[in-house]
Amino acid sequence: TENGTRAWSILFHSIPFKQGDRILISPTEYISNYISQKHLCEKLGVSLEIIPMEIDGTLSLSVLKKMIDDRVKAIFITHILKCTPLSRPKMV
């Protein structure tokens, strides 16, 4: 593909979302990704939910674990942040 945004878009639009599905995102999601997610959610009745952050700027993994259920179709977490010097630790 031409770039990372295009590759992400191809992946995102290949997921068969349906009404009632949930998407979990980090609060620092890239705006171009967020716009695609928001548009799809409004069109299909999919829930877009933000994973909370801890006071130190890291994702709250304990809350994320509780958020995951059978309706979660995708979790998007930005690893390298453009807007801050932070980078997310590996979660796997």
C-alpha atoms as a PDB file:
ATOM      1  CA  THR A   1       0.000   0.000   0.000  1.00  0.00           C
ATOM      2  CA  GLU A   2       0.984   3.645  -0.303  1.00  0.00           C
ATOM      3  CA  ASN A   3       1.231   4.257   3.436  1.00  0.00           C
ATOM      4  CA  GLY A   4       0.247   3.120   6.922  1.00  0.00           C
ATOM      5  CA  THR A   5      -3.050   5.007   6.928  1.00  0.00           C
ATOM      6  CA  ARG A   6      -4.147   3.301   3.702  1.00  0.00           C
ATOM      7  CA  ALA A   7      -3.099  -0.118   5.051  1.00  0.00           C
ATOM      8  CA  TRP A   8      -5.061   0.534   8.265  1.00  0.00           C
ATOM      9  CA  SER A   9      -8.120   1.596   6.238  1.00  0.00           C
ATOM     10  CA  ILE A  10      -8.035  -1.582   4.139  1.00  0.00           C
ATOM     11  CA  LEU A  11      -7.822  -3.684   7.291  1.00  0.00           C
ATOM     12  CA  PHE A  12     -10.550  -1.737   9.104  1.00  0.00           C
ATOM     13  CA  HIS A  13     -13.021  -1.905   6.228  1.00  0.00           C
ATOM     14  CA  SER A  14     -12.460  -5.643   5.814  1.00  0.00           C
ATOM     15  CA  ILE A  15     -13.849  -6.400   9.296  1.00  0.00           C
ATOM     16  CA  PRO A  16     -17.516  -7.484   9.051  1.00  0.00           C
ATOM     17  CA  PHE A  17     -18.991  -5.158  11.695  1.00  0.00           C
ATOM     18  CA  LYS A  18     -22.698  -5.374  12.491  1.00  0.00           C
ATOM     19  CA  GLN A  19     -25.158  -3.584  14.749  1.00  0.00           C
ATOM     20  CA  GLY A  20     -24.407  -4.210  18.416  1.00  0.00           C
ATOM     21  CA  ASP A  21     -20.669  -4.785  17.903  1.00  0.00           C
ATOM     22  CA  ARG A  22     -18.217  -2.790  19.990  1.00  0.00           C
ATOM     23  CA  ILE A  23     -14.901  -1.171  19.021  1.00  0.00           C
ATOM     24  CA  LEU A  24     -12.444  -0.211  21.764  1.00  0.00           C
ATOM     25  CA  ILE A  25      -9.877   2.504  21.021  1.00  0.00           C
ATOM     26  CA  SER A  26      -7.092   4.286  22.846  1.00  0.00           C
ATOM     27  CA  PRO A  27      -7.703   7.966  23.678  1.00  0.00           C
ATOM     28  CA  THR A  28      -4.807   8.889  21.376  1.00  0.00           C
ATOM     29  CA  GLU A  29      -6.198   7.276  18.212  1.00  0.00           C
ATOM     30  CA  TYR A  30      -5.063   8.959  14.999  1.00  0.00           C
ATOM     31  CA  ILE A  31      -7.746  11.380  13.814  1.00  0.00           C
ATOM     32  CA  SER A  32      -7.986   9.810  10.337  1.00  0.00           C
ATOM     33  CA  ASN A  33      -8.659   6.414  11.948  1.00  0.00           C
ATOM     34  CA  TYR A  34     -11.116   7.930  14.427  1.00  0.00           C
ATOM     35  CA  ILE A  35     -13.132   9.585  11.645  1.00  0.00           C
ATOM     36  CA  SER A  36     -13.482   6.229   9.832  1.00  0.00           C
ATOM     37  CA  GLN A  37     -14.445   4.488  13.067  1.00  0.00           C
ATOM     38  CA  LYS A  38     -16.993   7.143  14.039  1.00  0.00           C
ATOM     39  CA  HIS A  39     -18.593   7.166  10.581  1.00  0.00           C
ATOM     40  CA  LEU A  40     -18.938   3.372  10.535  1.00  0.00           C
ATOM     41  CA  CYS A  41     -20.378   3.338  14.054  1.00  0.00           C
ATOM     42  CA  GLU A  42     -23.021   5.910  13.178  1.00  0.00           C
ATOM     43  CA  LYS A  43     -23.888   4.067   9.950  1.00  0.00           C
ATOM     44  CA  LEU A  44     -24.120   0.537  11.400  1.00  0.00           C
ATOM     45  CA  GLY A  45     -25.028   1.066  15.053  1.00  0.00           C
ATOM     46  CA  VAL A  46     -21.651  -0.074  16.365  1.00  0.00           C
ATOM     47  CA  SER A  47     -20.445   1.235  19.731  1.00  0.00           C
ATOM     48  CA  LEU A  48     -17.131   3.139  19.825  1.00  0.00           C
ATOM     49  CA  GLU A  49     -15.637   3.183  23.330  1.00  0.00           C
ATOM     50  CA  ILE A  50     -12.458   4.789  24.621  1.00  0.00           C
ATOM     51  CA  ILE A  51     -10.143   2.804  26.878  1.00  0.00           C
ATOM     52  CA  PRO A  52      -9.314   4.951  29.924  1.00  0.00           C
ATOM     53  CA  MET A  53      -5.775   6.023  30.743  1.00  0.00           C
ATOM     54  CA  GLU A  54      -3.990   5.965  34.063  1.00  0.00           C
ATOM     55  CA  ILE A  55      -2.680   9.192  35.583  1.00  0.00           C
ATOM     56  CA  ASP A  56       0.794   8.475  34.127  1.00  0.00           C
ATOM     57  CA  GLY A  57      -0.590   8.336  30.561  1.00  0.00           C
ATOM     58  CA  THR A  58      -0.557   4.570  30.177  1.00  0.00           C
ATOM     59  CA  LEU A  59      -3.667   2.636  29.251  1.00  0.00           C
ATOM     60  CA  SER A  60      -5.605   1.133  32.127  1.00  0.00           C
ATOM     61  CA  LEU A  61      -5.122  -2.525  31.319  1.00  0.00           C
ATOM     62  CA  SER A  62      -7.274  -3.621  34.270  1.00  0.00           C
ATOM     63  CA  VAL A  63     -10.213  -1.600  32.906  1.00  0.00           C
ATOM     64  CA  LEU A  64      -9.515  -2.790  29.348  1.00  0.00           C
ATOM     65  CA  LYS A  65      -9.688  -6.389  30.531  1.00  0.00           C
ATOM     66  CA  LYS A  66     -13.119  -5.706  32.063  1.00  0.00           C
ATOM     67  CA  MET A  67     -14.333  -3.986  28.874  1.00  0.00           C
ATOM     68  CA  ILE A  68     -13.691  -7.012  26.678  1.00  0.00           C
ATOM     69  CA  ASP A  69     -16.694  -9.213  26.026  1.00  0.00           C
ATOM     70  CA  ASP A  70     -18.214 -11.218  23.158  1.00  0.00           C
ATOM     71  CA  ARG A  71     -19.465  -8.071  21.406  1.00  0.00           C
ATOM     72  CA  VAL A  72     -15.981  -6.527  21.069  1.00  0.00           C
ATOM     73  CA  LYS A  73     -15.098  -6.954  17.395  1.00  0.00           C
ATOM     74  CA  ALA A  74     -11.876  -4.890  17.381  1.00  0.00           C
ATOM     75  CA  ILE A  75      -9.431  -3.151  19.701  1.00  0.00           C
ATOM     76  CA  PHE A  76      -7.282  -0.373  18.242  1.00  0.00           C
ATOM     77  CA  ILE A  77      -4.366   0.935  20.296  1.00  0.00           C
ATOM     78  CA  THR A  78      -1.901   3.422  18.888  1.00  0.00           C
ATOM     79  CA  HIS A  79       1.614   2.271  19.786  1.00  0.00           C
ATOM     80  CA  ILE A  80       3.724   5.268  18.731  1.00  0.00           C
ATOM     81  CA  LEU A  81       2.064   8.589  19.447  1.00  0.00           C
ATOM     82  CA  LYS A  82       2.606  11.556  17.159  1.00  0.00           C
ATOM     83  CA  CYS A  83       1.343  14.159  19.613  1.00  0.00           C
ATOM     84  CA  THR A  84       3.478  13.204  22.635  1.00  0.00           C
ATOM     85  CA  PRO A  85       6.854  11.594  23.335  1.00  0.00           C
ATOM     86  CA  LEU A  86       5.055   8.559  24.802  1.00  0.00           C
ATOM     87  CA  SER A  87       5.096   5.107  23.307  1.00  0.00           C
ATOM     88  CA  ARG A  88       2.890   2.284  24.496  1.00  0.00           C
ATOM     89  CA  PRO A  89       4.603  -0.755  26.036  1.00  0.00           C
ATOM     90  CA  LYS A  90       4.127  -4.087  24.305  1.00  0.00           C
ATOM     91  CA  MET A  91       0.995  -5.771  25.605  1.00  0.00           C
ATOM     92  CA  VAL A  92       1.614  -9.268  24.263  1.00  0.00           C
END
